[in-house]
Amino acid sequence: MTSSVYDFQALSITGQPADLASQRGKVMLIVNTASACGFTPQFAGLEELWKDYADKGLVVIGFPSNEFGGQDPGSNDEIASFCQLNYGVSFPMMEKIKVNGANAHPLYKWLKGEKPGILGTEAIKWNFTKFLVGRDGQVLKRYAPNDAPKNIRADIEKALSAAAPA
């Protein structure tokens, strides 16, 4: 049985194994991203959060997905290049995944089960759905795609102020 975000692994956008247990004790903001979406400018806000709070223990992690309107059709290399060139993204980006359906990444299956959306629906509705994970590895909150990164600063600061579990 999965007990926390630390039970999951992913592959970085460059294909390297990324064990989320390596982030133990940090606050994570996990986001499904896309390069050609109306919400794509949120990359700038996510990068700002990363720069402002990384030294306090925040890790922003992007998971590209091409499920919504085919808005991230490129290869992992193309996505990484786009994010860096257009938004200066320096926070960790993972390889492109599925977030819904039978082939959804196990991390996303767990996140959706921990914090369903409006009316209890689990499915991710669109790009830039965000999950805030506390220092204990548990999901604190789920945010809609139209929730701008700057509008979740108070929740991030509250999560960062919590003591890391022993």
Protein backbone atom coordinates (compact mmCIF):
# COMPACT_ATOMS: atom_id res chain seq x y z
CA MET A 1 0.00 0.00 0.00
CA THR A 2 1.26 3.44 -0.91
CA SER A 3 1.66 5.68 2.09
CA SER A 4 3.36 8.81 0.73
CA VAL A 5 4.78 10.54 -2.32
CA TYR A 6 8.14 9.05 -1.36
CA ASP A 7 6.98 5.65 -2.59
CA PHE A 8 7.18 6.79 -6.24
CA GLN A 9 9.80 7.05 -8.91
CA ALA A 10 9.78 8.78 -12.26
CA LEU A 11 12.22 9.51 -15.05
CA SER A 12 13.65 12.97 -15.50
CA ILE A 13 13.12 14.69 -18.82
CA THR A 14 16.65 13.55 -19.73
CA GLY A 15 15.77 9.93 -18.94
CA GLN A 16 17.52 9.66 -15.57
CA PRO A 17 15.78 7.84 -12.69
CA ALA A 18 14.27 10.26 -10.18
CA ASP A 19 13.33 8.78 -6.81
CA LEU A 20 10.89 11.08 -5.01
CA ALA A 21 12.22 9.70 -1.70
CA SER A 22 15.28 11.88 -2.39
CA GLN A 23 13.02 14.88 -1.65
CA ARG A 24 12.02 13.63 1.81
CA GLY A 25 11.30 16.49 4.20
CA LYS A 26 10.72 19.03 1.43
CA VAL A 27 7.48 20.60 0.23
CA MET A 28 6.63 19.66 -3.35
CA LEU A 29 4.45 21.35 -5.93
CA ILE A 30 3.72 18.73 -8.61
CA VAL A 31 2.23 20.06 -11.86
CA ASN A 32 1.18 18.48 -15.15
CA THR A 33 2.45 20.87 -17.81
CA ALA A 34 2.11 21.56 -21.54
CA SER A 35 4.07 23.74 -23.93
CA ALA A 36 1.22 25.00 -26.14
CA CYS A 37 -1.62 25.66 -23.67
CA GLY A 38 -3.37 28.86 -22.65
CA PHE A 39 -1.90 28.23 -19.19
CA THR A 40 1.67 27.71 -20.49
CA PRO A 41 2.71 31.19 -19.22
CA GLN A 42 2.32 29.68 -15.72
CA PHE A 43 5.82 28.26 -16.28
CA ALA A 44 7.08 31.75 -15.40
CA GLY A 45 5.12 31.79 -12.13
CA LEU A 46 6.22 28.27 -11.24
CA GLU A 47 9.85 29.23 -11.89
CA GLU A 48 9.37 32.28 -9.64
CA LEU A 49 8.04 30.06 -6.82
CA TRP A 50 11.00 27.71 -7.30
CA LYS A 51 13.51 30.57 -7.14
CA ASP A 52 11.80 32.24 -4.17
CA TYR A 53 11.36 29.13 -2.02
CA ALA A 54 13.87 26.47 -3.11
CA ASP A 55 16.29 27.45 -0.34
CA LYS A 56 13.44 27.12 2.17
CA GLY A 57 12.63 23.59 1.04
CA LEU A 58 10.22 23.85 -1.93
CA VAL A 59 10.67 21.62 -4.97
CA VAL A 60 8.56 22.34 -8.06
CA ILE A 61 8.28 19.28 -10.32
CA GLY A 62 6.79 19.45 -13.81
CA PHE A 63 5.31 16.46 -15.60
CA PRO A 64 4.60 17.21 -19.28
CA SER A 65 1.47 15.58 -20.68
CA ASN A 66 0.02 15.59 -24.18
CA GLU A 67 -3.44 14.42 -23.10
CA PHE A 68 -5.32 17.70 -23.30
CA GLY A 69 -5.81 19.03 -26.80
CA GLY A 70 -2.48 17.56 -27.95
CA GLN A 71 -0.76 20.61 -26.45
CA ASP A 72 2.62 18.98 -25.75
CA PRO A 73 3.36 16.82 -28.82
CA GLY A 74 7.14 17.31 -28.78
CA SER A 75 9.84 14.94 -27.61
CA ASN A 76 11.23 15.24 -24.09
CA ASP A 77 14.26 17.07 -25.53
CA GLU A 78 12.02 19.53 -27.40
CA ILE A 79 9.92 20.14 -24.28
CA ALA A 80 13.00 20.73 -22.12
CA SER A 81 14.42 23.16 -24.67
CA PHE A 82 11.10 25.04 -24.99
CA CYS A 83 10.73 25.41 -21.21
CA GLN A 84 14.29 26.61 -20.74
CA LEU A 85 14.40 28.99 -23.72
CA ASN A 86 10.94 30.55 -23.25
CA TYR A 87 10.52 30.56 -19.47
CA GLY A 88 13.99 29.95 -18.04
CA VAL A 89 12.72 26.82 -16.32
CA SER A 90 15.34 25.45 -13.96
CA PHE A 91 13.07 23.40 -11.68
CA PRO A 92 13.00 19.64 -12.25
CA MET A 93 11.05 18.48 -15.29
CA MET A 94 10.18 14.82 -15.72
CA GLU A 95 9.57 12.83 -18.88
CA LYS A 96 6.21 13.13 -20.62
CA ILE A 97 3.56 10.96 -18.95
CA LYS A 98 -0.15 10.19 -18.95
CA VAL A 99 -2.10 11.57 -15.98
CA ASN A 100 -5.48 9.92 -16.63
CA GLY A 101 -6.77 6.49 -17.61
CA ALA A 102 -5.39 3.00 -17.26
CA ASN A 103 -1.92 4.09 -18.39
CA ALA A 104 -1.66 7.04 -16.00
CA HIS A 105 1.64 7.29 -14.15
CA PRO A 106 1.32 5.58 -10.73
CA LEU A 107 2.18 8.88 -8.99
CA TYR A 108 -0.80 10.57 -10.64
CA LYS A 109 -3.12 7.69 -9.81
CA TRP A 110 -2.13 8.17 -6.16
CA LEU A 111 -2.29 12.00 -6.18
CA LYS A 112 -5.81 11.97 -7.66
CA GLY A 113 -6.98 9.41 -5.11
CA GLU A 114 -5.56 11.45 -2.24
CA LYS A 115 -7.11 14.76 -3.34
CA PRO A 116 -10.04 14.37 -5.73
CA GLY A 117 -11.24 17.42 -7.58
CA ILE A 118 -14.57 19.21 -7.48
CA LEU A 119 -17.52 16.94 -6.70
CA GLY A 120 -15.13 14.10 -5.92
CA THR A 121 -13.99 13.54 -9.49
CA GLU A 122 -10.46 12.20 -9.65
CA ALA A 123 -9.61 12.85 -13.29
CA ILE A 124 -7.22 15.64 -14.14
CA LYS A 125 -9.32 18.05 -16.20
CA TRP A 126 -6.58 20.03 -17.96
CA ASN A 127 -2.93 21.07 -18.03
CA PHE A 128 -1.43 22.84 -15.01
CA THR A 129 -3.42 21.05 -12.31
CA LYS A 130 -1.23 21.38 -9.23
CA PHE A 131 -0.77 19.25 -6.11
CA LEU A 132 0.91 20.64 -2.99
CA VAL A 133 2.64 17.94 -0.96
CA GLY A 134 3.77 18.59 2.62
CA ARG A 135 7.07 17.78 4.28
CA ASP A 136 5.54 14.48 5.46
CA GLY A 137 4.92 13.31 1.88
CA GLN A 138 1.13 13.71 2.10
CA VAL A 139 -1.00 15.70 -0.35
CA LEU A 140 -2.16 18.94 1.26
CA LYS A 141 -4.16 20.50 -1.54
CA ARG A 142 -5.14 20.25 -5.20
CA TYR A 143 -5.36 23.37 -7.37
CA ALA A 144 -7.23 23.91 -10.62
CA PRO A 145 -5.40 24.82 -13.83
CA ASN A 146 -6.59 28.43 -13.58
CA ASP A 147 -5.15 28.85 -10.06
CA ALA A 148 -2.14 31.06 -10.79
CA PRO A 149 1.10 30.08 -9.02
CA LYS A 150 1.27 33.47 -7.27
CA ASN A 151 -2.12 32.80 -5.68
CA ILE A 152 -0.89 29.70 -3.83
CA ARG A 153 2.07 31.38 -2.11
CA ALA A 154 0.30 31.54 1.26
CA ASP A 155 -0.35 27.78 1.18
CA ILE A 156 3.27 27.12 0.20
CA GLU A 157 4.54 29.34 3.01
CA LYS A 158 2.28 27.57 5.50
CA ALA A 159 3.55 24.16 4.31
CA LEU A 160 7.16 25.35 4.50
CA SER A 161 6.64 26.57 8.07
CA ALA A 162 5.68 23.05 9.21
CA ALA A 163 8.43 21.09 10.89
CA ALA A 164 9.90 18.24 8.91
CA PRO A 165 8.95 14.87 10.39
CA ALA A 166 11.62 13.19 12.47
